[in-house]
């Protein structure tokens, strides 16, 4: 099932055992619904041009994410964002 061209994450099925989500190349702004995936290990948000502020992914910082892809987002080009992400996302 493709997760491309999603307008939002409101209708994403909730499956507790999800460990990898690839949402690259979408136009998503609100990533808060992903916080319900407590077993999420890999998250690809690369290529989302509306991902501009750390506050958009901050609700995910307590997940067990070990790999977070942000390449191709405006957020990834912000000064010191790499340090902030490693500071907040303790599992990375």
PDB file of N, CA and C in Angstrom:
ATOM      1  N   UNK A   1       0.836  -1.180   0.000  1.00  0.00           N
ATOM      2  CA  UNK A   1       0.000   0.000   0.000  1.00  0.00           C
ATOM      3  C   UNK A   1       0.884   1.246   0.000  1.00  0.00           C
ATOM      4  N   UNK A   2       0.641   2.155  -0.908  1.00  0.00           N
ATOM      5  CA  UNK A   2       1.431   3.376  -1.016  1.00  0.00           C
ATOM      6  C   UNK A   2       0.950   4.423  -0.021  1.00  0.00           C
ATOM      7  N   UNK A   3       1.878   5.125   0.562  1.00  0.00           N
ATOM      8  CA  UNK A   3       1.547   6.218   1.465  1.00  0.00           C
ATOM      9  C   UNK A   3       1.954   7.548   0.839  1.00  0.00           C
ATOM     10  N   UNK A   4       1.836   7.657  -0.454  1.00  0.00           N
ATOM     11  CA  UNK A   4       2.156   8.890  -1.173  1.00  0.00           C
ATOM     12  C   UNK A   4       0.889   9.713  -1.363  1.00  0.00           C
ATOM     13  N   UNK A   5       1.081  11.010  -1.469  1.00  0.00           N
ATOM     14  CA  UNK A   5      -0.003  11.968  -1.728  1.00  0.00           C
ATOM     15  C   UNK A   5      -1.093  11.962  -0.660  1.00  0.00           C
ATOM     16  N   UNK A   6      -0.700  11.750   0.565  1.00  0.00           N
ATOM     17  CA  UNK A   6      -1.669  11.801   1.665  1.00  0.00           C
ATOM     18  C   UNK A   6      -1.945  13.263   2.029  1.00  0.00           C
ATOM     19  N   UNK A   7      -3.207  13.636   2.181  1.00  0.00           N
ATOM     20  CA  UNK A   7      -3.501  15.000   2.597  1.00  0.00           C
ATOM     21  C   UNK A   7      -3.290  15.204   4.097  1.00  0.00           C
ATOM     22  N   UNK A   8      -3.471  14.129   4.866  1.00  0.00           N
ATOM     23  CA  UNK A   8      -3.270  14.175   6.313  1.00  0.00           C
ATOM     24  C   UNK A   8      -3.125  12.745   6.833  1.00  0.00           C
ATOM     25  N   UNK A   9      -2.974  12.611   8.134  1.00  0.00           N
ATOM     26  CA  UNK A   9      -2.778  11.283   8.731  1.00  0.00           C
ATOM     27  C   UNK A   9      -3.993  10.824   9.531  1.00  0.00           C
ATOM     28  N   UNK A  10      -5.081  11.523   9.428  1.00  0.00           N
ATOM     29  CA  UNK A  10      -6.265  11.212  10.223  1.00  0.00           C
ATOM     30  C   UNK A  10      -6.811   9.807   9.991  1.00  0.00           C
ATOM     31  N   UNK A  11      -6.697   9.281   8.795  1.00  0.00           N
ATOM     32  CA  UNK A  11      -7.290   7.980   8.482  1.00  0.00           C
ATOM     33  C   UNK A  11      -6.269   6.848   8.421  1.00  0.00           C
ATOM     34  N   UNK A  12      -5.079   7.099   8.914  1.00  0.00           N
ATOM     35  CA  UNK A  12      -4.058   6.067   8.952  1.00  0.00           C
ATOM     36  C   UNK A  12      -4.463   5.030   9.990  1.00  0.00           C
ATOM     37  N   UNK A  13      -4.491   3.772   9.600  1.00  0.00           N
ATOM     38  CA  UNK A  13      -4.908   2.710  10.513  1.00  0.00           C
ATOM     39  C   UNK A  13      -3.966   2.615  11.702  1.00  0.00           C
ATOM     40  N   UNK A  14      -4.540   2.328  12.834  1.00  0.00           N
ATOM     41  CA  UNK A  14      -3.734   2.180  14.045  1.00  0.00           C
ATOM     42  C   UNK A  14      -3.417   0.704  14.254  1.00  0.00           C
ATOM     43  N   UNK A  15      -2.154   0.388  14.129  1.00  0.00           N
ATOM     44  CA  UNK A  15      -1.682  -0.969  14.395  1.00  0.00           C
ATOM     45  C   UNK A  15      -0.511  -0.862  15.364  1.00  0.00           C
ATOM     46  N   UNK A  16      -0.692  -1.389  16.530  1.00  0.00           N
ATOM     47  CA  UNK A  16       0.306  -1.240  17.587  1.00  0.00           C
ATOM     48  C   UNK A  16       1.668  -1.789  17.211  1.00  0.00           C
ATOM     49  N   UNK A  17       1.724  -2.756  16.323  1.00  0.00           N
ATOM     50  CA  UNK A  17       2.990  -3.407  16.009  1.00  0.00           C
ATOM     51  C   UNK A  17       3.766  -2.743  14.872  1.00  0.00           C
ATOM     52  N   UNK A  18       3.311  -1.600  14.367  1.00  0.00           N
ATOM     53  CA  UNK A  18       4.006  -0.912  13.282  1.00  0.00           C
ATOM     54  C   UNK A  18       5.372  -0.443  13.762  1.00  0.00           C
ATOM     55  N   UNK A  19       6.411  -0.836  13.037  1.00  0.00           N
ATOM     56  CA  UNK A  19       7.769  -0.428  13.413  1.00  0.00           C
ATOM     57  C   UNK A  19       8.425   0.474  12.377  1.00  0.00           C
ATOM     58  N   UNK A  20       7.885   0.534  11.161  1.00  0.00           N
ATOM     59  CA  UNK A  20       8.450   1.359  10.103  1.00  0.00           C
ATOM     60  C   UNK A  20       7.332   2.064   9.350  1.00  0.00           C
ATOM     61  N   UNK A  21       7.478   3.388   9.208  1.00  0.00           N
ATOM     62  CA  UNK A  21       6.525   4.166   8.419  1.00  0.00           C
ATOM     63  C   UNK A  21       7.318   5.062   7.480  1.00  0.00           C
ATOM     64  N   UNK A  22       7.007   4.977   6.194  1.00  0.00           N
ATOM     65  CA  UNK A  22       7.637   5.817   5.181  1.00  0.00           C
ATOM     66  C   UNK A  22       6.594   6.783   4.642  1.00  0.00           C
ATOM     67  N   UNK A  23       6.699   8.037   5.053  1.00  0.00           N
ATOM     68  CA  UNK A  23       5.780   9.080   4.614  1.00  0.00           C
ATOM     69  C   UNK A  23       6.508  10.103   3.758  1.00  0.00           C
ATOM     70  N   UNK A  24       7.572   9.671   3.115  1.00  0.00           N
ATOM     71  CA  UNK A  24       8.364  10.587   2.299  1.00  0.00           C
ATOM     72  C   UNK A  24       7.565  11.119   1.118  1.00  0.00           C
ATOM     73  N   UNK A  25       7.952  12.308   0.689  1.00  0.00           N
ATOM     74  CA  UNK A  25       7.377  12.943  -0.502  1.00  0.00           C
ATOM     75  C   UNK A  25       5.866  13.132  -0.424  1.00  0.00           C
ATOM     76  N   UNK A  26       5.416  13.671   0.681  1.00  0.00           N
ATOM     77  CA  UNK A  26       4.017  14.036   0.871  1.00  0.00           C
ATOM     78  C   UNK A  26       3.940  15.526   1.181  1.00  0.00           C
ATOM     79  N   UNK A  27       2.760  16.013   1.410  1.00  0.00           N
ATOM     80  CA  UNK A  27       2.553  17.421   1.763  1.00  0.00           C
ATOM     81  C   UNK A  27       1.956  17.517   3.165  1.00  0.00           C
ATOM     82  N   UNK A  28       2.506  16.743   4.080  1.00  0.00           N
ATOM     83  CA  UNK A  28       1.973  16.650   5.437  1.00  0.00           C
ATOM     84  C   UNK A  28       2.495  17.775   6.321  1.00  0.00           C
ATOM     85  N   UNK A  29       1.647  18.207   7.250  1.00  0.00           N
ATOM     86  CA  UNK A  29       2.032  19.243   8.210  1.00  0.00           C
ATOM     87  C   UNK A  29       1.919  18.759   9.648  1.00  0.00           C
ATOM     88  N   UNK A  30       0.922  17.921   9.926  1.00  0.00           N
ATOM     89  CA  UNK A  30       0.654  17.464  11.288  1.00  0.00           C
ATOM     90  C   UNK A  30       1.066  16.002  11.431  1.00  0.00           C
ATOM     91  N   UNK A  31       2.086  15.784  12.248  1.00  0.00           N
ATOM     92  CA  UNK A  31       2.601  14.426  12.450  1.00  0.00           C
ATOM     93  C   UNK A  31       2.190  13.860  13.805  1.00  0.00           C
ATOM     94  N   UNK A  32       1.388  14.595  14.561  1.00  0.00           N
ATOM     95  CA  UNK A  32       0.960  14.152  15.884  1.00  0.00           C
ATOM     96  C   UNK A  32       0.274  12.787  15.892  1.00  0.00           C
ATOM     97  N   UNK A  33      -0.544  12.450  14.880  1.00  0.00           N
ATOM     98  CA  UNK A  33      -1.180  11.122  14.902  1.00  0.00           C
ATOM     99  C   UNK A  33      -0.184   9.960  14.953  1.00  0.00           C
ATOM    100  N   UNK A  34       1.054  10.189  14.588  1.00  0.00           N
ATOM    101  CA  UNK A  34       2.052   9.111  14.625  1.00  0.00           C
ATOM    102  C   UNK A  34       2.465   8.755  16.051  1.00  0.00           C
ATOM    103  N   UNK A  35       2.174   9.609  17.004  1.00  0.00           N
ATOM    104  CA  UNK A  35       2.567   9.364  18.396  1.00  0.00           C
ATOM    105  C   UNK A  35       1.909   8.115  18.975  1.00  0.00           C
ATOM    106  N   UNK A  36       0.848   7.626  18.348  1.00  0.00           N
ATOM    107  CA  UNK A  36       0.170   6.423  18.849  1.00  0.00           C
ATOM    108  C   UNK A  36       0.926   5.141  18.521  1.00  0.00           C
ATOM    109  N   UNK A  37       1.916   5.220  17.659  1.00  0.00           N
ATOM    110  CA  UNK A  37       2.689   4.036  17.263  1.00  0.00           C
ATOM    111  C   UNK A  37       3.881   3.865  18.208  1.00  0.00           C
ATOM    112  N   UNK A  38       3.616   3.306  19.348  1.00  0.00           N
ATOM    113  CA  UNK A  38       4.622   3.200  20.417  1.00  0.00           C
ATOM    114  C   UNK A  38       5.822   2.322  20.050  1.00  0.00           C
ATOM    115  N   UNK A  39       5.669   1.445  19.069  1.00  0.00           N
ATOM    116  CA  UNK A  39       6.760   0.558  18.663  1.00  0.00           C
ATOM    117  C   UNK A  39       7.489   1.066  17.417  1.00  0.00           C
ATOM    118  N   UNK A  40       7.186   2.290  16.988  1.00  0.00           N
ATOM    119  CA  UNK A  40       7.796   2.843  15.778  1.00  0.00           C
ATOM    120  C   UNK A  40       9.303   2.965  15.945  1.00  0.00           C
ATOM    121  N   UNK A  41      10.029   2.369  15.023  1.00  0.00           N
ATOM    122  CA  UNK A  41      11.490   2.285  15.089  1.00  0.00           C
ATOM    123  C   UNK A  41      12.138   3.117  13.980  1.00  0.00           C
ATOM    124  N   UNK A  42      11.523   3.121  12.796  1.00  0.00           N
ATOM    125  CA  UNK A  42      12.048   3.844  11.634  1.00  0.00           C
ATOM    126  C   UNK A  42      10.951   4.744  11.077  1.00  0.00           C
ATOM    127  N   UNK A  43      11.277   6.031  10.903  1.00  0.00           N
ATOM    128  CA  UNK A  43      10.315   6.991  10.380  1.00  0.00           C
ATOM    129  C   UNK A  43      10.975   7.840   9.304  1.00  0.00           C
ATOM    130  N   UNK A  44      10.419   7.790   8.107  1.00  0.00           N
ATOM    131  CA  UNK A  44      10.931   8.583   6.991  1.00  0.00           C
ATOM    132  C   UNK A  44       9.926   9.681   6.672  1.00  0.00           C
ATOM    133  N   UNK A  45      10.338  10.924   6.929  1.00  0.00           N
ATOM    134  CA  UNK A  45       9.521  12.090   6.624  1.00  0.00           C
ATOM    135  C   UNK A  45      10.178  12.943   5.547  1.00  0.00           C
ATOM    136  N   UNK A  46      11.222  12.431   4.937  1.00  0.00           N
ATOM    137  CA  UNK A  46      11.968  13.172   3.922  1.00  0.00           C
ATOM    138  C   UNK A  46      11.081  13.627   2.773  1.00  0.00           C
ATOM    139  N   UNK A  47      11.419  14.779   2.211  1.00  0.00           N
ATOM    140  CA  UNK A  47      10.703  15.270   1.048  1.00  0.00           C
ATOM    141  C   UNK A  47       9.334  15.858   1.339  1.00  0.00           C
ATOM    142  N   UNK A  48       9.059  16.175   2.596  1.00  0.00           N
ATOM    143  CA  UNK A  48       7.800  16.832   2.959  1.00  0.00           C
ATOM    144  C   UNK A  48       8.065  18.339   3.063  1.00  0.00           C
ATOM    145  N   UNK A  49       7.713  19.101   2.025  1.00  0.00           N
ATOM    146  CA  UNK A  49       8.051  20.525   2.000  1.00  0.00           C
ATOM    147  C   UNK A  49       7.346  21.373   3.053  1.00  0.00           C
ATOM    148  N   UNK A  50       6.314  20.829   3.689  1.00  0.00           N
ATOM    149  CA  UNK A  50       5.609  21.585   4.730  1.00  0.00           C
ATOM    150  C   UNK A  50       6.156  21.311   6.129  1.00  0.00           C
ATOM    151  N   UNK A  51       7.174  20.458   6.218  1.00  0.00           N
ATOM    152  CA  UNK A  51       7.816  20.180   7.510  1.00  0.00           C
ATOM    153  C   UNK A  51       8.894  21.237   7.737  1.00  0.00           C
ATOM    154  N   UNK A  52       8.506  22.295   8.443  1.00  0.00           N
ATOM    155  CA  UNK A  52       9.363  23.472   8.573  1.00  0.00           C
ATOM    156  C   UNK A  52       9.805  23.775   9.995  1.00  0.00           C
ATOM    157  N   UNK A  53       9.148  23.185  10.981  1.00  0.00           N
ATOM    158  CA  UNK A  53       9.402  23.572  12.368  1.00  0.00           C
ATOM    159  C   UNK A  53       9.534  22.327  13.240  1.00  0.00           C
ATOM    160  N   UNK A  54      10.458  22.360  14.184  1.00  0.00           N
ATOM    161  CA  UNK A  54      10.660  21.234  15.089  1.00  0.00           C
ATOM    162  C   UNK A  54       9.387  20.902  15.868  1.00  0.00           C
ATOM    163  N   UNK A  55       8.577  21.909  16.142  1.00  0.00           N
ATOM    164  CA  UNK A  55       7.341  21.694  16.898  1.00  0.00           C
ATOM    165  C   UNK A  55       6.413  20.696  16.204  1.00  0.00           C
ATOM    166  N   UNK A  56       6.557  20.555  14.890  1.00  0.00           N
ATOM    167  CA  UNK A  56       5.712  19.613  14.156  1.00  0.00           C
ATOM    168  C   UNK A  56       6.039  18.160  14.487  1.00  0.00           C
ATOM    169  N   UNK A  57       7.282  17.865  14.852  1.00  0.00           N
ATOM    170  CA  UNK A  57       7.664  16.489  15.178  1.00  0.00           C
ATOM    171  C   UNK A  57       7.927  16.292  16.672  1.00  0.00           C
ATOM    172  N   UNK A  58       7.891  17.351  17.419  1.00  0.00           N
ATOM    173  CA  UNK A  58       8.148  17.265  18.864  1.00  0.00           C
ATOM    174  C   UNK A  58       7.262  16.251  19.577  1.00  0.00           C
ATOM    175  N   UNK A  59       5.977  16.089  19.219  1.00  0.00           N
ATOM    176  CA  UNK A  59       5.138  15.078  19.895  1.00  0.00           C
ATOM    177  C   UNK A  59       5.643  13.645  19.715  1.00  0.00           C
ATOM    178  N   UNK A  60       6.585  13.425  18.812  1.00  0.00           N
ATOM    179  CA  UNK A  60       7.097  12.078  18.547  1.00  0.00           C
ATOM    180  C   UNK A  60       8.370  11.762  19.330  1.00  0.00           C
ATOM    181  N   UNK A  61       8.875  12.708  20.070  1.00  0.00           N
ATOM    182  CA  UNK A  61      10.196  12.548  20.700  1.00  0.00           C
ATOM    183  C   UNK A  61      10.267  11.431  21.738  1.00  0.00           C
ATOM    184  N   UNK A  62       9.144  11.008  22.288  1.00  0.00           N
ATOM    185  CA  UNK A  62       9.167   9.941  23.293  1.00  0.00           C
ATOM    186  C   UNK A  62       9.021   8.549  22.698  1.00  0.00           C
ATOM    187  N   UNK A  63       8.887   8.468  21.380  1.00  0.00           N
ATOM    188  CA  UNK A  63       8.814   7.155  20.721  1.00  0.00           C
ATOM    189  C   UNK A  63      10.200   6.522  20.678  1.00  0.00           C
ATOM    190  N   UNK A  64      10.261   5.259  20.332  1.00  0.00           N
ATOM    191  CA  UNK A  64      11.518   4.513  20.297  1.00  0.00           C
ATOM    192  C   UNK A  64      12.229   4.634  18.944  1.00  0.00           C
ATOM    193  N   UNK A  65      12.049   5.745  18.270  1.00  0.00           N
ATOM    194  CA  UNK A  65      12.602   5.934  16.924  1.00  0.00           C
ATOM    195  C   UNK A  65      14.130   5.879  16.954  1.00  0.00           C
ATOM    196  N   UNK A  66      14.685   4.985  16.142  1.00  0.00           N
ATOM    197  CA  UNK A  66      16.138   4.864  16.017  1.00  0.00           C
ATOM    198  C   UNK A  66      16.645   5.445  14.708  1.00  0.00           C
ATOM    199  N   UNK A  67      15.734   5.630  13.753  1.00  0.00           N
ATOM    200  CA  UNK A  67      16.118   6.226  12.472  1.00  0.00           C
ATOM    201  C   UNK A  67      15.026   7.200  12.059  1.00  0.00           C
ATOM    202  N   UNK A  68      15.419   8.462  11.919  1.00  0.00           N
ATOM    203  CA  UNK A  68      14.496   9.514  11.529  1.00  0.00           C
ATOM    204  C   UNK A  68      15.062  10.222  10.310  1.00  0.00           C
ATOM    205  N   UNK A  69      14.381  10.107   9.177  1.00  0.00           N
ATOM    206  CA  UNK A  69      14.842  10.727   7.932  1.00  0.00           C
ATOM    207  C   UNK A  69      14.084  12.023   7.702  1.00  0.00           C
ATOM    208  N   UNK A  70      14.835  13.116   7.540  1.00  0.00           N
ATOM    209  CA  UNK A  70      14.235  14.428   7.315  1.00  0.00           C
ATOM    210  C   UNK A  70      14.801  15.124   6.080  1.00  0.00           C
ATOM    211  N   UNK A  71      15.650  14.444   5.319  1.00  0.00           N
ATOM    212  CA  UNK A  71      16.280  15.057   4.148  1.00  0.00           C
ATOM    213  C   UNK A  71      15.221  15.574   3.183  1.00  0.00           C
ATOM    214  N   UNK A  72      15.485  16.716   2.610  1.00  0.00           N
ATOM    215  CA  UNK A  72      14.563  17.287   1.642  1.00  0.00           C
ATOM    216  C   UNK A  72      13.406  18.041   2.268  1.00  0.00           C
ATOM    217  N   UNK A  73      13.501  18.332   3.562  1.00  0.00           N
ATOM    218  CA  UNK A  73      12.493  19.152   4.235  1.00  0.00           C
ATOM    219  C   UNK A  73      13.119  20.486   4.621  1.00  0.00           C
ATOM    220  N   UNK A  74      12.336  21.541   4.700  1.00  0.00           N
ATOM    221  CA  UNK A  74      12.883  22.816   5.170  1.00  0.00           C
ATOM    222  C   UNK A  74      13.477  22.702   6.580  1.00  0.00           C
ATOM    223  N   UNK A  75      12.915  21.841   7.406  1.00  0.00           N
ATOM    224  CA  UNK A  75      13.433  21.645   8.758  1.00  0.00           C
ATOM    225  C   UNK A  75      14.873  21.162   8.737  1.00  0.00           C
ATOM    226  N   UNK A  76      15.205  20.297   7.800  1.00  0.00           N
ATOM    227  CA  UNK A  76      16.555  19.717   7.763  1.00  0.00           C
ATOM    228  C   UNK A  76      17.641  20.736   7.446  1.00  0.00           C
ATOM    229  N   UNK A  77      17.262  21.904   6.951  1.00  0.00           N
ATOM    230  CA  UNK A  77      18.263  22.915   6.598  1.00  0.00           C
ATOM    231  C   UNK A  77      18.437  23.975   7.679  1.00  0.00           C
ATOM    232  N   UNK A  78      17.675  23.871   8.748  1.00  0.00           N
ATOM    233  CA  UNK A  78      17.786  24.865   9.813  1.00  0.00           C
ATOM    234  C   UNK A  78      19.080  24.693  10.603  1.00  0.00           C
ATOM    235  N   UNK A  79      19.618  25.804  11.034  1.00  0.00           N
ATOM    236  CA  UNK A  79      20.857  25.803  11.801  1.00  0.00           C
ATOM    237  C   UNK A  79      20.663  25.045  13.124  1.00  0.00           C
ATOM    238  N   UNK A  80      21.594  24.186  13.440  1.00  0.00           N
ATOM    239  CA  UNK A  80      21.631  23.411  14.689  1.00  0.00           C
ATOM    240  C   UNK A  80      20.475  22.426  14.863  1.00  0.00           C
ATOM    241  N   UNK A  81      19.735  22.138  13.805  1.00  0.00           N
ATOM    242  CA  UNK A  81      18.595  21.226  13.949  1.00  0.00           C
ATOM    243  C   UNK A  81      19.053  19.806  14.250  1.00  0.00           C
ATOM    244  N   UNK A  82      20.175  19.408  13.687  1.00  0.00           N
ATOM    245  CA  UNK A  82      20.689  18.055  13.940  1.00  0.00           C
ATOM    246  C   UNK A  82      20.951  17.845  15.440  1.00  0.00           C
ATOM    247  N   UNK A  83      21.590  18.821  16.062  1.00  0.00           N
ATOM    248  CA  UNK A  83      21.881  18.735  17.490  1.00  0.00           C
ATOM    249  C   UNK A  83      20.595  18.689  18.309  1.00  0.00           C
ATOM    250  N   UNK A  84      19.622  19.530  17.937  1.00  0.00           N
ATOM    251  CA  UNK A  84      18.358  19.568  18.669  1.00  0.00           C
ATOM    252  C   UNK A  84      17.629  18.233  18.563  1.00  0.00           C
ATOM    253  N   UNK A  85      17.645  17.639  17.386  1.00  0.00           N
ATOM    254  CA  UNK A  85      16.964  16.360  17.199  1.00  0.00           C
ATOM    255  C   UNK A  85      17.621  15.268  18.043  1.00  0.00           C
ATOM    256  N   UNK A  86      18.947  15.215  18.045  1.00  0.00           N
ATOM    257  CA  UNK A  86      19.633  14.201  18.853  1.00  0.00           C
ATOM    258  C   UNK A  86      19.432  14.444  20.353  1.00  0.00           C
ATOM    259  N   UNK A  87      19.290  15.691  20.722  1.00  0.00           N
ATOM    260  CA  UNK A  87      19.047  16.033  22.132  1.00  0.00           C
ATOM    261  C   UNK A  87      17.644  15.613  22.572  1.00  0.00           C
ATOM    262  N   UNK A  88      16.664  15.818  21.723  1.00  0.00           N
ATOM    263  CA  UNK A  88      15.264  15.531  22.061  1.00  0.00           C
ATOM    264  C   UNK A  88      14.848  14.087  21.823  1.00  0.00           C
ATOM    265  N   UNK A  89      15.320  13.502  20.731  1.00  0.00           N
ATOM    266  CA  UNK A  89      14.983  12.114  20.410  1.00  0.00           C
ATOM    267  C   UNK A  89      16.076  11.219  20.998  1.00  0.00           C
ATOM    268  N   UNK A  90      15.881  10.812  22.211  1.00  0.00           N
ATOM    269  CA  UNK A  90      16.907  10.098  22.991  1.00  0.00           C
ATOM    270  C   UNK A  90      17.337   8.758  22.402  1.00  0.00           C
ATOM    271  N   UNK A  91      16.484   8.114  21.622  1.00  0.00           N
ATOM    272  CA  UNK A  91      16.797   6.778  21.079  1.00  0.00           C
ATOM    273  C   UNK A  91      17.648   6.834  19.805  1.00  0.00           C
ATOM    274  N   UNK A  92      17.771   8.008  19.194  1.00  0.00           N
ATOM    275  CA  UNK A  92      18.545   8.102  17.948  1.00  0.00           C
ATOM    276  C   UNK A  92      20.026   7.895  18.191  1.00  0.00           C
TER     277      UNK A  92
END
